Amino acid sequence: MPRKYGAKAQQSVKEAMDEFKKGKLKSGKSGKPVKNPKQAIAIGLSEARKKGAKVPAKKSK
């Protein structure tokens, strides 16, 4: 079974989670501190997508 995320994506999520744990991770336009760990992971994956890492596309509603 192939891996879902590439190594660079995992690194990006790790960095986002480290910032989240320190209380320094901010959300998009509002700049409010992130309080939900799932949101921190989503931010990390979003940053990885922007860098061109191997990440599946966002799920649409």
PDB file of N, CA and C in Angstrom:
ATOM      1  N   MET A   1       0.850  -1.192   0.000  1.00  0.00           N
ATOM      2  CA  MET A   1       0.000   0.000   0.000  1.00  0.00           C
ATOM      3  C   MET A   1       0.891   1.249   0.000  1.00  0.00           C
ATOM      4  N   PRO A   2       0.678   2.154  -0.951  1.00  0.00           N
ATOM      5  CA  PRO A   2       1.537   3.347  -1.018  1.00  0.00           C
ATOM      6  C   PRO A   2       1.282   4.305   0.143  1.00  0.00           C
ATOM      7  N   ARG A   3       2.322   5.074   0.458  1.00  0.00           N
ATOM      8  CA  ARG A   3       2.188   6.050   1.535  1.00  0.00           C
ATOM      9  C   ARG A   3       1.305   7.192   1.079  1.00  0.00           C
ATOM     10  N   LYS A   4       0.522   7.708   2.005  1.00  0.00           N
ATOM     11  CA  LYS A   4      -0.422   8.776   1.681  1.00  0.00           C
ATOM     12  C   LYS A   4       0.274  10.135   1.561  1.00  0.00           C
ATOM     13  N   TYR A   5       1.239  10.382   2.458  1.00  0.00           N
ATOM     14  CA  TYR A   5       1.935  11.666   2.476  1.00  0.00           C
ATOM     15  C   TYR A   5       3.426  11.450   2.271  1.00  0.00           C
ATOM     16  N   GLY A   6       4.077  12.396   1.615  1.00  0.00           N
ATOM     17  CA  GLY A   6       5.512  12.327   1.421  1.00  0.00           C
ATOM     18  C   GLY A   6       6.259  12.791   2.664  1.00  0.00           C
ATOM     19  N   ALA A   7       7.568  12.616   2.653  1.00  0.00           N
ATOM     20  CA  ALA A   7       8.390  12.989   3.806  1.00  0.00           C
ATOM     21  C   ALA A   7       8.364  14.491   4.059  1.00  0.00           C
ATOM     22  N   LYS A   8       8.349  15.296   2.994  1.00  0.00           N
ATOM     23  CA  LYS A   8       8.315  16.757   3.165  1.00  0.00           C
ATOM     24  C   LYS A   8       6.991  17.195   3.784  1.00  0.00           C
ATOM     25  N   ALA A   9       5.910  16.508   3.433  1.00  0.00           N
ATOM     26  CA  ALA A   9       4.607  16.833   4.018  1.00  0.00           C
ATOM     27  C   ALA A   9       4.619  16.520   5.506  1.00  0.00           C
ATOM     28  N   GLN A  10       5.199  15.388   5.872  1.00  0.00           N
ATOM     29  CA  GLN A  10       5.275  15.022   7.287  1.00  0.00           C
ATOM     30  C   GLN A  10       6.105  16.035   8.060  1.00  0.00           C
ATOM     31  N   GLN A  11       7.183  16.505   7.451  1.00  0.00           N
ATOM     32  CA  GLN A  11       8.041  17.509   8.097  1.00  0.00           C
ATOM     33  C   GLN A  11       7.270  18.813   8.318  1.00  0.00           C
ATOM     34  N   SER A  12       6.474  19.204   7.319  1.00  0.00           N
ATOM     35  CA  SER A  12       5.690  20.434   7.414  1.00  0.00           C
ATOM     36  C   SER A  12       4.651  20.335   8.532  1.00  0.00           C
ATOM     37  N   VAL A  13       4.011  19.179   8.648  1.00  0.00           N
ATOM     38  CA  VAL A  13       3.015  18.969   9.709  1.00  0.00           C
ATOM     39  C   VAL A  13       3.705  18.983  11.072  1.00  0.00           C
ATOM     40  N   LYS A  14       4.880  18.372  11.156  1.00  0.00           N
ATOM     41  CA  LYS A  14       5.630  18.359  12.419  1.00  0.00           C
ATOM     42  C   LYS A  14       5.964  19.780  12.861  1.00  0.00           C
ATOM     43  N   GLU A  15       6.407  20.615  11.917  1.00  0.00           N
ATOM     44  CA  GLU A  15       6.732  22.008  12.246  1.00  0.00           C
ATOM     45  C   GLU A  15       5.495  22.758  12.727  1.00  0.00           C
ATOM     46  N   ALA A  16       4.350  22.538  12.045  1.00  0.00           N
ATOM     47  CA  ALA A  16       3.110  23.201  12.443  1.00  0.00           C
ATOM     48  C   ALA A  16       2.678  22.754  13.839  1.00  0.00           C
ATOM     49  N   MET A  17       2.829  21.462  14.129  1.00  0.00           N
ATOM     50  CA  MET A  17       2.445  20.953  15.450  1.00  0.00           C
ATOM     51  C   MET A  17       3.371  21.503  16.545  1.00  0.00           C
ATOM     52  N   ASP A  18       4.651  21.644  16.235  1.00  0.00           N
ATOM     53  CA  ASP A  18       5.584  22.221  17.207  1.00  0.00           C
ATOM     54  C   ASP A  18       5.186  23.659  17.537  1.00  0.00           C
ATOM     55  N   GLU A  19       4.839  24.435  16.509  1.00  0.00           N
ATOM     56  CA  GLU A  19       4.390  25.821  16.735  1.00  0.00           C
ATOM     57  C   GLU A  19       3.098  25.833  17.545  1.00  0.00           C
ATOM     58  N   PHE A  20       2.185  24.892  17.214  1.00  0.00           N
ATOM     59  CA  PHE A  20       0.908  24.802  17.920  1.00  0.00           C
ATOM     60  C   PHE A  20       1.140  24.551  19.410  1.00  0.00           C
ATOM     61  N   LYS A  21       2.048  23.613  19.724  1.00  0.00           N
ATOM     62  CA  LYS A  21       2.316  23.265  21.123  1.00  0.00           C
ATOM     63  C   LYS A  21       2.937  24.423  21.889  1.00  0.00           C
ATOM     64  N   LYS A  22       3.684  25.272  21.188  1.00  0.00           N
ATOM     65  CA  LYS A  22       4.288  26.443  21.829  1.00  0.00           C
ATOM     66  C   LYS A  22       3.301  27.611  21.906  1.00  0.00           C
ATOM     67  N   GLY A  23       2.140  27.479  21.222  1.00  0.00           N
ATOM     68  CA  GLY A  23       1.139  28.532  21.219  1.00  0.00           C
ATOM     69  C   GLY A  23       1.447  29.654  20.252  1.00  0.00           C
ATOM     70  N   LYS A  24       2.284  29.389  19.250  1.00  0.00           N
ATOM     71  CA  LYS A  24       2.684  30.431  18.313  1.00  0.00           C
ATOM     72  C   LYS A  24       2.060  30.281  16.935  1.00  0.00           C
ATOM     73  N   LEU A  25       1.268  29.222  16.713  1.00  0.00           N
ATOM     74  CA  LEU A  25       0.646  28.997  15.408  1.00  0.00           C
ATOM     75  C   LEU A  25      -0.593  29.867  15.277  1.00  0.00           C
ATOM     76  N   LYS A  26      -0.650  30.656  14.206  1.00  0.00           N
ATOM     77  CA  LYS A  26      -1.773  31.561  13.970  1.00  0.00           C
ATOM     78  C   LYS A  26      -2.548  31.105  12.744  1.00  0.00           C
ATOM     79  N   SER A  27      -3.856  31.365  12.744  1.00  0.00           N
ATOM     80  CA  SER A  27      -4.682  31.004  11.599  1.00  0.00           C
ATOM     81  C   SER A  27      -4.641  32.111  10.545  1.00  0.00           C
ATOM     82  N   GLY A  28      -5.048  31.784   9.352  1.00  0.00           N
ATOM     83  CA  GLY A  28      -5.008  32.623   8.156  1.00  0.00           C
ATOM     84  C   GLY A  28      -5.152  34.123   8.300  1.00  0.00           C
ATOM     85  N   LYS A  29      -6.267  34.655   7.835  1.00  0.00           N
ATOM     86  CA  LYS A  29      -6.457  36.107   7.762  1.00  0.00           C
ATOM     87  C   LYS A  29      -6.604  36.760   9.136  1.00  0.00           C
ATOM     88  N   SER A  30      -7.340  36.093  10.043  1.00  0.00           N
ATOM     89  CA  SER A  30      -7.628  36.716  11.333  1.00  0.00           C
ATOM     90  C   SER A  30      -6.390  36.796  12.223  1.00  0.00           C
ATOM     91  N   GLY A  31      -5.484  35.827  12.083  1.00  0.00           N
ATOM     92  CA  GLY A  31      -4.273  35.825  12.902  1.00  0.00           C
ATOM     93  C   GLY A  31      -4.497  35.372  14.332  1.00  0.00           C
ATOM     94  N   LYS A  32      -5.663  34.746  14.592  1.00  0.00           N
ATOM     95  CA  LYS A  32      -5.957  34.257  15.935  1.00  0.00           C
ATOM     96  C   LYS A  32      -5.141  32.996  16.206  1.00  0.00           C
ATOM     97  N   PRO A  33      -4.761  32.762  17.456  1.00  0.00           N
ATOM     98  CA  PRO A  33      -4.011  31.539  17.761  1.00  0.00           C
ATOM     99  C   PRO A  33      -4.864  30.296  17.545  1.00  0.00           C
ATOM    100  N   VAL A  34      -4.253  29.251  17.024  1.00  0.00           N
ATOM    101  CA  VAL A  34      -4.947  27.991  16.763  1.00  0.00           C
ATOM    102  C   VAL A  34      -5.077  27.220  18.067  1.00  0.00           C
ATOM    103  N   LYS A  35      -6.286  26.700  18.342  1.00  0.00           N
ATOM    104  CA  LYS A  35      -6.525  25.979  19.586  1.00  0.00           C
ATOM    105  C   LYS A  35      -6.854  24.508  19.364  1.00  0.00           C
ATOM    106  N   ASN A  36      -7.044  24.102  18.111  1.00  0.00           N
ATOM    107  CA  ASN A  36      -7.443  22.737  17.798  1.00  0.00           C
ATOM    108  C   ASN A  36      -6.289  22.011  17.096  1.00  0.00           C
ATOM    109  N   PRO A  37      -5.850  20.860  17.610  1.00  0.00           N
ATOM    110  CA  PRO A  37      -4.737  20.147  16.971  1.00  0.00           C
ATOM    111  C   PRO A  37      -5.043  19.713  15.543  1.00  0.00           C
ATOM    112  N   LYS A  38      -6.310  19.386  15.242  1.00  0.00           N
ATOM    113  CA  LYS A  38      -6.664  19.001  13.868  1.00  0.00           C
ATOM    114  C   LYS A  38      -6.475  20.181  12.921  1.00  0.00           C
ATOM    115  N   GLN A  39      -6.767  21.386  13.404  1.00  0.00           N
ATOM    116  CA  GLN A  39      -6.572  22.578  12.589  1.00  0.00           C
ATOM    117  C   GLN A  39      -5.080  22.800  12.336  1.00  0.00           C
ATOM    118  N   ALA A  40      -4.254  22.504  13.337  1.00  0.00           N
ATOM    119  CA  ALA A  40      -2.805  22.641  13.183  1.00  0.00           C
ATOM    120  C   ALA A  40      -2.294  21.691  12.106  1.00  0.00           C
ATOM    121  N   ILE A  41      -2.809  20.468  12.092  1.00  0.00           N
ATOM    122  CA  ILE A  41      -2.420  19.491  11.070  1.00  0.00           C
ATOM    123  C   ILE A  41      -2.853  19.977   9.693  1.00  0.00           C
ATOM    124  N   ALA A  42      -4.060  20.516   9.604  1.00  0.00           N
ATOM    125  CA  ALA A  42      -4.562  21.018   8.328  1.00  0.00           C
ATOM    126  C   ALA A  42      -3.696  22.162   7.807  1.00  0.00           C
ATOM    127  N   ILE A  43      -3.250  23.029   8.680  1.00  0.00           N
ATOM    128  CA  ILE A  43      -2.371  24.138   8.290  1.00  0.00           C
ATOM    129  C   ILE A  43      -1.046  23.596   7.769  1.00  0.00           C
ATOM    130  N   GLY A  44      -0.499  22.593   8.462  1.00  0.00           N
ATOM    131  CA  GLY A  44       0.752  21.968   8.027  1.00  0.00           C
ATOM    132  C   GLY A  44       0.625  21.336   6.651  1.00  0.00           C
ATOM    133  N   LEU A  45      -0.485  20.639   6.401  1.00  0.00           N
ATOM    134  CA  LEU A  45      -0.699  20.009   5.095  1.00  0.00           C
ATOM    135  C   LEU A  45      -0.902  21.065   4.005  1.00  0.00           C
ATOM    136  N   SER A  46      -1.589  22.141   4.347  1.00  0.00           N
ATOM    137  CA  SER A  46      -1.805  23.218   3.392  1.00  0.00           C
ATOM    138  C   SER A  46      -0.480  23.856   2.975  1.00  0.00           C
ATOM    139  N   GLU A  47       0.392  24.081   3.953  1.00  0.00           N
ATOM    140  CA  GLU A  47       1.711  24.647   3.648  1.00  0.00           C
ATOM    141  C   GLU A  47       2.527  23.686   2.776  1.00  0.00           C
ATOM    142  N   ALA A  48       2.397  22.389   3.060  1.00  0.00           N
ATOM    143  CA  ALA A  48       3.113  21.382   2.267  1.00  0.00           C
ATOM    144  C   ALA A  48       2.621  21.389   0.819  1.00  0.00           C
ATOM    145  N   ARG A  49       1.296  21.533   0.638  1.00  0.00           N
ATOM    146  CA  ARG A  49       0.732  21.610  -0.721  1.00  0.00           C
ATOM    147  C   ARG A  49       1.312  22.796  -1.482  1.00  0.00           C
ATOM    148  N   LYS A  50       1.418  23.943  -0.802  1.00  0.00           N
ATOM    149  CA  LYS A  50       1.951  25.155  -1.441  1.00  0.00           C
ATOM    150  C   LYS A  50       3.400  24.960  -1.865  1.00  0.00           C
ATOM    151  N   LYS A  51       4.161  24.149  -1.087  1.00  0.00           N
ATOM    152  CA  LYS A  51       5.565  23.889  -1.407  1.00  0.00           C
ATOM    153  C   LYS A  51       5.713  22.808  -2.474  1.00  0.00           C
ATOM    154  N   GLY A  52       4.612  22.131  -2.828  1.00  0.00           N
ATOM    155  CA  GLY A  52       4.665  21.107  -3.867  1.00  0.00           C
ATOM    156  C   GLY A  52       4.970  19.719  -3.340  1.00  0.00           C
ATOM    157  N   ALA A  53       4.747  19.458  -2.059  1.00  0.00           N
ATOM    158  CA  ALA A  53       5.010  18.140  -1.484  1.00  0.00           C
ATOM    159  C   ALA A  53       3.916  17.163  -1.889  1.00  0.00           C
ATOM    160  N   LYS A  54       4.173  15.866  -1.691  1.00  0.00           N
ATOM    161  CA  LYS A  54       3.209  14.834  -2.049  1.00  0.00           C
ATOM    162  C   LYS A  54       2.112  14.768  -0.984  1.00  0.00           C
ATOM    163  N   VAL A  55       0.996  15.413  -1.284  1.00  0.00           N
ATOM    164  CA  VAL A  55      -0.141  15.468  -0.378  1.00  0.00           C
ATOM    165  C   VAL A  55      -1.400  15.300  -1.213  1.00  0.00           C
ATOM    166  N   PRO A  56      -2.344  14.433  -0.799  1.00  0.00           N
ATOM    167  CA  PRO A  56      -3.598  14.308  -1.553  1.00  0.00           C
ATOM    168  C   PRO A  56      -4.375  15.615  -1.558  1.00  0.00           C
ATOM    169  N   ALA A  57      -5.214  15.797  -2.552  1.00  0.00           N
ATOM    170  CA  ALA A  57      -6.026  17.018  -2.650  1.00  0.00           C
ATOM    171  C   ALA A  57      -6.999  17.093  -1.472  1.00  0.00           C
ATOM    172  N   LYS A  58      -7.433  18.319  -1.148  1.00  0.00           N
ATOM    173  CA  LYS A  58      -8.390  18.518  -0.064  1.00  0.00           C
ATOM    174  C   LYS A  58      -9.699  17.804  -0.380  1.00  0.00           C
ATOM    175  N   LYS A  59     -10.370  17.284   0.656  1.00  0.00           N
ATOM    176  CA  LYS A  59     -11.683  16.667   0.464  1.00  0.00           C
ATOM    177  C   LYS A  59     -12.702  17.765   0.260  1.00  0.00           C
ATOM    178  N   SER A  60     -13.537  17.612  -0.759  1.00  0.00           N
ATOM    179  CA  SER A  60     -14.569  18.638  -0.986  1.00  0.00           C
ATOM    180  C   SER A  60     -15.870  18.175  -0.355  1.00  0.00           C
ATOM    181  N   LYS A  61     -16.704  19.129  -0.006  1.00  0.00           N
ATOM    182  CA  LYS A  61     -17.978  18.804   0.645  1.00  0.00           C
ATOM    183  C   LYS A  61     -19.000  18.370  -0.384  1.00  0.00           C
TER     184      LYS A  61
END
